[in-house]
Amino acid sequence: MLKITVCSSCEFAQEAKKASGFLEAKGFEVFLPDTCEKIVSGKISKRQILEEKETGAISERVNSGNLTMLHFSKIKKSDAILVLNYSKKGIANYIGYSVFLEIGLAFGLEKKVFLLNPIPAVPYAEEIRLFHPIVLDGNLDLIK
């Protein structure tokens, strides 16, 4: 059974949950980012996350819960990551800095890197290409 960790902006928590359910129905074991799980379960709101980002309090919550290392451990025990790169900040298929780091970690650990959508037009697009991602063009059925 293929184990996949979803990597995504917390803004796409509902989409992450939907993708997780789709993949689980196909027999995959799927791990979501902790913050996405909390948003979907109603333990935290997207609005609260935005407020934390504005005030800088997000670092305190992430560090106190050791959330970065928790997510990295999910990537380590996975066979692949799935990057949900939707439009954000006016950029089609956006991949932010945190997800970029997660892609680098997965590549360094010799995990498959799946991008839901094509590589975005960002200054570090060439670096993303160096990680040999498998672009799904929006089709999760292509994950094997």
N, C-alpha and C. Protein backbone atom coordinates (compact mmCIF):
# COMPACT_ATOMS: atom_id res chain seq x y z
N MET A 1 0.84 -1.18 0.00
CA MET A 1 0.00 0.00 0.00
C MET A 1 0.89 1.25 0.00
N LEU A 2 0.67 2.12 -0.95
CA LEU A 2 1.44 3.36 -1.06
C LEU A 2 1.02 4.33 0.04
N LYS A 3 2.00 4.91 0.71
CA LYS A 3 1.75 5.92 1.73
C LYS A 3 2.08 7.29 1.15
N ILE A 4 1.14 8.21 1.27
CA ILE A 4 1.29 9.54 0.68
C ILE A 4 1.03 10.61 1.73
N THR A 5 1.91 11.61 1.79
CA THR A 5 1.69 12.77 2.64
C THR A 5 1.27 13.93 1.75
N VAL A 6 0.18 14.56 2.12
CA VAL A 6 -0.30 15.73 1.39
C VAL A 6 0.46 16.95 1.89
N CYS A 7 0.96 17.76 0.96
CA CYS A 7 1.65 19.00 1.27
C CYS A 7 0.85 20.13 0.62
N SER A 8 0.46 21.10 1.43
CA SER A 8 -0.46 22.10 0.93
C SER A 8 -0.51 23.28 1.86
N SER A 9 -0.88 24.42 1.32
CA SER A 9 -1.22 25.56 2.14
C SER A 9 -2.44 25.20 2.98
N CYS A 10 -2.48 25.70 4.20
CA CYS A 10 -3.64 25.41 5.05
C CYS A 10 -4.91 26.05 4.48
N GLU A 11 -4.76 26.98 3.56
CA GLU A 11 -5.93 27.56 2.89
C GLU A 11 -6.69 26.51 2.10
N PHE A 12 -6.04 25.42 1.75
CA PHE A 12 -6.66 24.38 0.96
C PHE A 12 -7.00 23.15 1.81
N ALA A 13 -7.33 23.37 3.08
CA ALA A 13 -7.61 22.27 4.00
C ALA A 13 -8.76 21.40 3.51
N GLN A 14 -9.83 22.01 3.04
CA GLN A 14 -10.97 21.22 2.57
C GLN A 14 -10.60 20.41 1.34
N GLU A 15 -9.83 21.01 0.44
CA GLU A 15 -9.39 20.30 -0.75
C GLU A 15 -8.45 19.15 -0.37
N ALA A 16 -7.63 19.37 0.66
CA ALA A 16 -6.72 18.31 1.13
C ALA A 16 -7.51 17.14 1.69
N LYS A 17 -8.55 17.44 2.45
CA LYS A 17 -9.39 16.38 3.00
C LYS A 17 -10.08 15.61 1.89
N LYS A 18 -10.57 16.33 0.87
CA LYS A 18 -11.24 15.68 -0.26
C LYS A 18 -10.25 14.77 -1.01
N ALA A 19 -9.05 15.27 -1.28
CA ALA A 19 -8.03 14.46 -1.98
C ALA A 19 -7.66 13.24 -1.14
N SER A 20 -7.55 13.44 0.17
CA SER A 20 -7.23 12.34 1.07
C SER A 20 -8.30 11.25 0.99
N GLY A 21 -9.55 11.65 1.03
CA GLY A 21 -10.65 10.68 0.95
C GLY A 21 -10.64 9.93 -0.36
N PHE A 22 -10.37 10.63 -1.46
CA PHE A 22 -10.30 10.01 -2.78
C PHE A 22 -9.20 8.95 -2.82
N LEU A 23 -8.02 9.32 -2.31
CA LEU A 23 -6.88 8.40 -2.33
C LEU A 23 -7.08 7.22 -1.38
N GLU A 24 -7.66 7.49 -0.22
CA GLU A 24 -7.92 6.40 0.73
C GLU A 24 -8.91 5.40 0.13
N ALA A 25 -9.89 5.89 -0.62
CA ALA A 25 -10.86 5.00 -1.27
C ALA A 25 -10.18 4.11 -2.32
N LYS A 26 -9.04 4.57 -2.84
CA LYS A 26 -8.27 3.78 -3.81
C LYS A 26 -7.27 2.85 -3.11
N GLY A 27 -7.24 2.86 -1.78
CA GLY A 27 -6.38 1.95 -1.04
C GLY A 27 -5.07 2.54 -0.53
N PHE A 28 -4.86 3.85 -0.72
CA PHE A 28 -3.64 4.48 -0.23
C PHE A 28 -3.78 4.88 1.24
N GLU A 29 -2.67 4.91 1.94
CA GLU A 29 -2.64 5.47 3.29
C GLU A 29 -2.19 6.92 3.14
N VAL A 30 -2.96 7.84 3.70
CA VAL A 30 -2.72 9.27 3.46
C VAL A 30 -2.55 10.01 4.78
N PHE A 31 -1.54 10.89 4.80
CA PHE A 31 -1.28 11.74 5.96
C PHE A 31 -1.49 13.20 5.56
N LEU A 32 -2.23 13.92 6.38
CA LEU A 32 -2.48 15.34 6.14
C LEU A 32 -1.66 16.19 7.09
N PRO A 33 -1.37 17.44 6.70
CA PRO A 33 -0.72 18.35 7.64
C PRO A 33 -1.62 18.54 8.87
N ASP A 34 -1.02 18.66 10.03
CA ASP A 34 -1.75 18.81 11.28
C ASP A 34 -2.72 19.99 11.23
N THR A 35 -2.28 21.11 10.71
CA THR A 35 -3.14 22.30 10.67
C THR A 35 -4.34 22.06 9.78
N CYS A 36 -4.16 21.39 8.65
CA CYS A 36 -5.31 21.05 7.79
C CYS A 36 -6.30 20.17 8.54
N GLU A 37 -5.79 19.19 9.26
CA GLU A 37 -6.67 18.31 10.05
C GLU A 37 -7.47 19.12 11.06
N LYS A 38 -6.82 20.09 11.71
CA LYS A 38 -7.50 20.91 12.72
C LYS A 38 -8.54 21.83 12.09
N ILE A 39 -8.26 22.35 10.91
CA ILE A 39 -9.24 23.20 10.22
C ILE A 39 -10.46 22.37 9.83
N VAL A 40 -10.23 21.21 9.25
CA VAL A 40 -11.33 20.36 8.80
C VAL A 40 -12.19 19.91 9.98
N SER A 41 -11.56 19.62 11.11
CA SER A 41 -12.31 19.16 12.28
C SER A 41 -12.95 20.31 13.06
N GLY A 42 -12.65 21.55 12.69
CA GLY A 42 -13.23 22.70 13.37
C GLY A 42 -12.49 23.13 14.62
N LYS A 43 -11.33 22.56 14.90
CA LYS A 43 -10.55 22.93 16.08
C LYS A 43 -9.86 24.28 15.92
N ILE A 44 -9.69 24.71 14.67
CA ILE A 44 -9.07 25.99 14.37
C ILE A 44 -9.70 26.48 13.06
N SER A 45 -9.77 27.79 12.90
CA SER A 45 -10.38 28.33 11.68
C SER A 45 -9.32 28.95 10.76
N LYS A 46 -9.65 29.05 9.49
CA LYS A 46 -8.75 29.71 8.54
C LYS A 46 -8.53 31.16 8.97
N ARG A 47 -9.59 31.77 9.48
CA ARG A 47 -9.47 33.16 9.95
C ARG A 47 -8.45 33.27 11.07
N GLN A 48 -8.47 32.32 12.00
CA GLN A 48 -7.50 32.33 13.09
C GLN A 48 -6.08 32.19 12.54
N ILE A 49 -5.90 31.34 11.55
CA ILE A 49 -4.57 31.17 10.93
C ILE A 49 -4.11 32.49 10.32
N LEU A 50 -5.00 33.16 9.58
CA LEU A 50 -4.65 34.44 8.96
C LEU A 50 -4.27 35.48 10.02
N GLU A 51 -5.02 35.51 11.12
CA GLU A 51 -4.70 36.43 12.22
C GLU A 51 -3.34 36.10 12.83
N GLU A 52 -3.07 34.81 13.00
CA GLU A 52 -1.77 34.39 13.54
C GLU A 52 -0.63 34.81 12.61
N LYS A 53 -0.86 34.71 11.30
CA LYS A 53 0.17 35.12 10.34
C LYS A 53 0.41 36.62 10.42
N GLU A 54 -0.66 37.39 10.56
CA GLU A 54 -0.54 38.85 10.64
C GLU A 54 0.19 39.30 11.90
N THR A 55 -0.06 38.62 13.01
CA THR A 55 0.54 39.02 14.28
C THR A 55 1.88 38.35 14.56
N GLY A 56 2.20 37.32 13.80
CA GLY A 56 3.42 36.57 14.04
C GLY A 56 3.25 35.45 15.04
N ALA A 57 2.03 35.28 15.54
CA ALA A 57 1.77 34.24 16.54
C ALA A 57 1.80 32.83 15.94
N ILE A 58 1.76 32.74 14.63
CA ILE A 58 1.76 31.41 14.01
C ILE A 58 3.04 30.64 14.33
N SER A 59 4.14 31.36 14.42
CA SER A 59 5.42 30.70 14.75
C SER A 59 5.35 30.06 16.13
N GLU A 60 4.71 30.75 17.07
CA GLU A 60 4.59 30.21 18.43
C GLU A 60 3.78 28.92 18.43
N ARG A 61 2.63 28.91 17.70
CA ARG A 61 1.79 27.72 17.68
C ARG A 61 2.50 26.56 16.99
N VAL A 62 3.12 26.85 15.86
CA VAL A 62 3.82 25.80 15.11
C VAL A 62 4.98 25.25 15.93
N ASN A 63 5.76 26.13 16.54
CA ASN A 63 6.91 25.68 17.32
C ASN A 63 6.49 24.96 18.60
N SER A 64 5.47 25.45 19.28
CA SER A 64 5.06 24.82 20.54
C SER A 64 4.50 23.42 20.29
N GLY A 65 3.88 23.21 19.14
CA GLY A 65 3.36 21.89 18.82
C GLY A 65 4.33 21.05 18.01
N ASN A 66 5.52 21.60 17.75
CA ASN A 66 6.53 20.90 16.95
C ASN A 66 5.94 20.42 15.62
N LEU A 67 5.08 21.26 15.02
CA LEU A 67 4.32 20.86 13.84
C LEU A 67 5.17 20.64 12.60
N THR A 68 6.24 21.40 12.46
CA THR A 68 7.11 21.20 11.30
C THR A 68 7.75 19.82 11.35
N MET A 69 8.30 19.47 12.48
CA MET A 69 8.93 18.15 12.61
C MET A 69 7.90 17.02 12.51
N LEU A 70 6.70 17.27 13.01
CA LEU A 70 5.64 16.28 12.90
C LEU A 70 5.32 16.01 11.42
N HIS A 71 5.22 17.09 10.64
CA HIS A 71 4.93 16.93 9.21
C HIS A 71 6.11 16.27 8.50
N PHE A 72 7.32 16.66 8.84
CA PHE A 72 8.50 16.04 8.24
C PHE A 72 8.53 14.54 8.54
N SER A 73 8.11 14.15 9.74
CA SER A 73 8.11 12.72 10.07
C SER A 73 7.08 11.98 9.23
N LYS A 74 5.97 12.64 8.88
CA LYS A 74 4.99 12.02 7.99
C LYS A 74 5.60 11.81 6.61
N ILE A 75 6.35 12.80 6.14
CA ILE A 75 7.00 12.68 4.83
C ILE A 75 8.01 11.53 4.86
N LYS A 76 8.78 11.42 5.96
CA LYS A 76 9.78 10.36 6.07
C LYS A 76 9.17 8.97 5.98
N LYS A 77 7.99 8.77 6.58
CA LYS A 77 7.39 7.44 6.57
C LYS A 77 6.52 7.18 5.34
N SER A 78 6.45 8.15 4.45
CA SER A 78 5.66 8.01 3.22
C SER A 78 6.53 7.52 2.06
N ASP A 79 5.85 7.06 1.03
CA ASP A 79 6.52 6.69 -0.22
C ASP A 79 6.55 7.86 -1.19
N ALA A 80 5.62 8.82 -0.97
CA ALA A 80 5.48 9.94 -1.88
C ALA A 80 4.81 11.11 -1.17
N ILE A 81 4.92 12.28 -1.79
CA ILE A 81 4.12 13.42 -1.34
C ILE A 81 3.24 13.86 -2.50
N LEU A 82 2.10 14.43 -2.14
CA LEU A 82 1.19 15.03 -3.11
C LEU A 82 1.08 16.50 -2.77
N VAL A 83 1.55 17.33 -3.68
CA VAL A 83 1.48 18.78 -3.50
C VAL A 83 0.19 19.28 -4.13
N LEU A 84 -0.66 19.88 -3.30
CA LEU A 84 -1.89 20.48 -3.81
C LEU A 84 -1.59 21.94 -4.11
N ASN A 85 -1.25 22.20 -5.33
CA ASN A 85 -0.84 23.54 -5.75
C ASN A 85 -1.93 24.20 -6.58
N TYR A 86 -2.83 24.86 -5.87
CA TYR A 86 -3.92 25.62 -6.48
C TYR A 86 -3.50 27.08 -6.60
N SER A 87 -4.35 27.89 -7.19
CA SER A 87 -4.06 29.32 -7.32
C SER A 87 -4.16 30.00 -5.96
N LYS A 88 -3.20 30.88 -5.71
CA LYS A 88 -3.14 31.62 -4.45
C LYS A 88 -2.28 32.85 -4.69
N LYS A 89 -2.63 33.94 -4.04
CA LYS A 89 -1.87 35.18 -4.15
C LYS A 89 -1.76 35.65 -5.61
N GLY A 90 -2.78 35.33 -6.40
CA GLY A 90 -2.79 35.73 -7.81
C GLY A 90 -1.86 34.92 -8.69
N ILE A 91 -1.32 33.81 -8.17
CA ILE A 91 -0.40 32.97 -8.93
C ILE A 91 -1.05 31.60 -9.16
N ALA A 92 -1.18 31.23 -10.42
CA ALA A 92 -1.73 29.91 -10.74
C ALA A 92 -0.78 28.82 -10.26
N ASN A 93 -1.34 27.79 -9.65
CA ASN A 93 -0.57 26.60 -9.22
C ASN A 93 0.49 26.93 -8.17
N TYR A 94 0.21 27.87 -7.32
CA TYR A 94 1.16 28.40 -6.35
C TYR A 94 1.79 27.32 -5.47
N ILE A 95 3.08 27.43 -5.27
CA ILE A 95 3.82 26.62 -4.30
C ILE A 95 4.58 27.60 -3.43
N GLY A 96 4.23 27.64 -2.16
CA GLY A 96 4.88 28.57 -1.23
C GLY A 96 6.18 28.00 -0.70
N TYR A 97 6.83 28.81 0.11
CA TYR A 97 8.15 28.44 0.62
C TYR A 97 8.13 27.19 1.51
N SER A 98 7.12 27.06 2.35
CA SER A 98 7.06 25.88 3.22
C SER A 98 6.89 24.60 2.39
N VAL A 99 5.99 24.64 1.42
CA VAL A 99 5.78 23.46 0.58
C VAL A 99 7.02 23.20 -0.28
N PHE A 100 7.69 24.26 -0.72
CA PHE A 100 8.94 24.09 -1.46
C PHE A 100 9.96 23.33 -0.62
N LEU A 101 10.06 23.67 0.67
CA LEU A 101 10.97 22.94 1.56
C LEU A 101 10.56 21.48 1.71
N GLU A 102 9.26 21.24 1.78
CA GLU A 102 8.77 19.87 1.90
C GLU A 102 9.09 19.06 0.64
N ILE A 103 8.99 19.70 -0.52
CA ILE A 103 9.37 19.03 -1.77
C ILE A 103 10.85 18.67 -1.73
N GLY A 104 11.68 19.60 -1.28
CA GLY A 104 13.12 19.34 -1.19
C GLY A 104 13.42 18.20 -0.23
N LEU A 105 12.74 18.16 0.90
CA LEU A 105 12.93 17.08 1.86
C LEU A 105 12.54 15.74 1.22
N ALA A 106 11.38 15.71 0.59
CA ALA A 106 10.92 14.46 -0.04
C ALA A 106 11.91 13.99 -1.10
N PHE A 107 12.37 14.90 -1.91
CA PHE A 107 13.34 14.55 -2.95
C PHE A 107 14.62 14.01 -2.31
N GLY A 108 15.09 14.68 -1.28
CA GLY A 108 16.31 14.24 -0.60
C GLY A 108 16.16 12.87 0.04
N LEU A 109 14.95 12.53 0.42
CA LEU A 109 14.67 11.21 1.01
C LEU A 109 14.28 10.18 -0.05
N GLU A 110 14.42 10.58 -1.31
CA GLU A 110 14.13 9.71 -2.45
C GLU A 110 12.67 9.27 -2.51
N LYS A 111 11.77 10.20 -2.18
CA LYS A 111 10.33 9.96 -2.28
C LYS A 111 9.84 10.50 -3.62
N LYS A 112 8.77 9.93 -4.14
CA LYS A 112 8.14 10.48 -5.32
C LYS A 112 7.50 11.82 -4.95
N VAL A 113 7.54 12.74 -5.89
CA VAL A 113 6.92 14.05 -5.69
C VAL A 113 5.85 14.23 -6.76
N PHE A 114 4.59 14.25 -6.33
CA PHE A 114 3.48 14.49 -7.24
C PHE A 114 3.00 15.92 -7.07
N LEU A 115 2.83 16.63 -8.18
CA LEU A 115 2.22 17.96 -8.16
C LEU A 115 0.84 17.81 -8.80
N LEU A 116 -0.18 18.27 -8.11
CA LEU A 116 -1.52 18.17 -8.68
C LEU A 116 -1.63 18.96 -9.98
N ASN A 117 -1.02 20.13 -10.00
CA ASN A 117 -1.08 21.01 -11.17
C ASN A 117 0.34 21.35 -11.62
N PRO A 118 0.48 21.94 -12.81
CA PRO A 118 1.82 22.26 -13.33
C PRO A 118 2.63 23.18 -12.41
N ILE A 119 3.91 23.20 -12.64
CA ILE A 119 4.84 24.06 -11.88
C ILE A 119 4.44 25.52 -12.09
N PRO A 120 4.35 26.27 -11.00
CA PRO A 120 3.93 27.67 -11.12
C PRO A 120 5.03 28.57 -11.68
N ALA A 121 4.62 29.73 -12.14
CA ALA A 121 5.57 30.74 -12.62
C ALA A 121 6.03 31.55 -11.40
N VAL A 122 7.00 30.99 -10.69
CA VAL A 122 7.59 31.63 -9.51
C VAL A 122 9.10 31.69 -9.73
N PRO A 123 9.80 32.57 -8.99
CA PRO A 123 11.25 32.69 -9.20
C PRO A 123 12.03 31.40 -8.99
N TYR A 124 11.48 30.46 -8.25
CA TYR A 124 12.18 29.20 -7.95
C TYR A 124 11.60 28.02 -8.75
N ALA A 125 10.97 28.31 -9.89
CA ALA A 125 10.39 27.24 -10.73
C ALA A 125 11.45 26.25 -11.20
N GLU A 126 12.62 26.76 -11.57
CA GLU A 126 13.69 25.85 -12.03
C GLU A 126 14.13 24.91 -10.92
N GLU A 127 14.17 25.43 -9.70
CA GLU A 127 14.54 24.57 -8.57
C GLU A 127 13.50 23.48 -8.37
N ILE A 128 12.22 23.81 -8.55
CA ILE A 128 11.17 22.79 -8.44
C ILE A 128 11.38 21.71 -9.51
N ARG A 129 11.72 22.13 -10.73
CA ARG A 129 11.97 21.16 -11.81
C ARG A 129 13.12 20.21 -11.46
N LEU A 130 14.11 20.70 -10.72
CA LEU A 130 15.26 19.86 -10.34
C LEU A 130 14.86 18.69 -9.45
N PHE A 131 13.69 18.79 -8.82
CA PHE A 131 13.21 17.73 -7.94
C PHE A 131 12.41 16.67 -8.70
N HIS A 132 12.36 16.77 -10.03
CA HIS A 132 11.71 15.78 -10.90
C HIS A 132 10.27 15.45 -10.48
N PRO A 133 9.43 16.47 -10.30
CA PRO A 133 8.06 16.17 -9.89
C PRO A 133 7.27 15.50 -11.02
N ILE A 134 6.31 14.71 -10.62
CA ILE A 134 5.38 14.09 -11.55
C ILE A 134 4.13 14.96 -11.55
N VAL A 135 3.89 15.63 -12.66
CA VAL A 135 2.75 16.55 -12.75
C VAL A 135 1.51 15.78 -13.17
N LEU A 136 0.47 15.89 -12.36
CA LEU A 136 -0.76 15.11 -12.58
C LEU A 136 -1.80 15.84 -13.42
N ASP A 137 -1.56 17.10 -13.71
CA ASP A 137 -2.52 17.90 -14.49
C ASP A 137 -3.94 17.77 -13.92
N GLY A 138 -4.05 17.79 -12.60
CA GLY A 138 -5.35 17.77 -11.93
C GLY A 138 -5.99 16.40 -11.79
N ASN A 139 -5.32 15.34 -12.21
CA ASN A 139 -5.91 14.00 -12.24
C ASN A 139 -5.26 13.09 -11.20
N LEU A 140 -5.93 12.94 -10.05
CA LEU A 140 -5.39 12.08 -8.99
C LEU A 140 -5.36 10.60 -9.38
N ASP A 141 -6.11 10.22 -10.39
CA ASP A 141 -6.09 8.82 -10.85
C ASP A 141 -4.74 8.42 -11.41
N LEU A 142 -3.89 9.40 -11.74
CA LEU A 142 -2.57 9.09 -12.29
C LEU A 142 -1.58 8.62 -11.22
N ILE A 143 -1.94 8.76 -9.95
CA ILE A 143 -1.05 8.27 -8.88
C ILE A 143 -1.14 6.76 -8.84
N LYS A 144 0.01 6.14 -8.99
CA LYS A 144 0.08 4.67 -9.00
C LYS A 144 1.02 4.20 -7.91
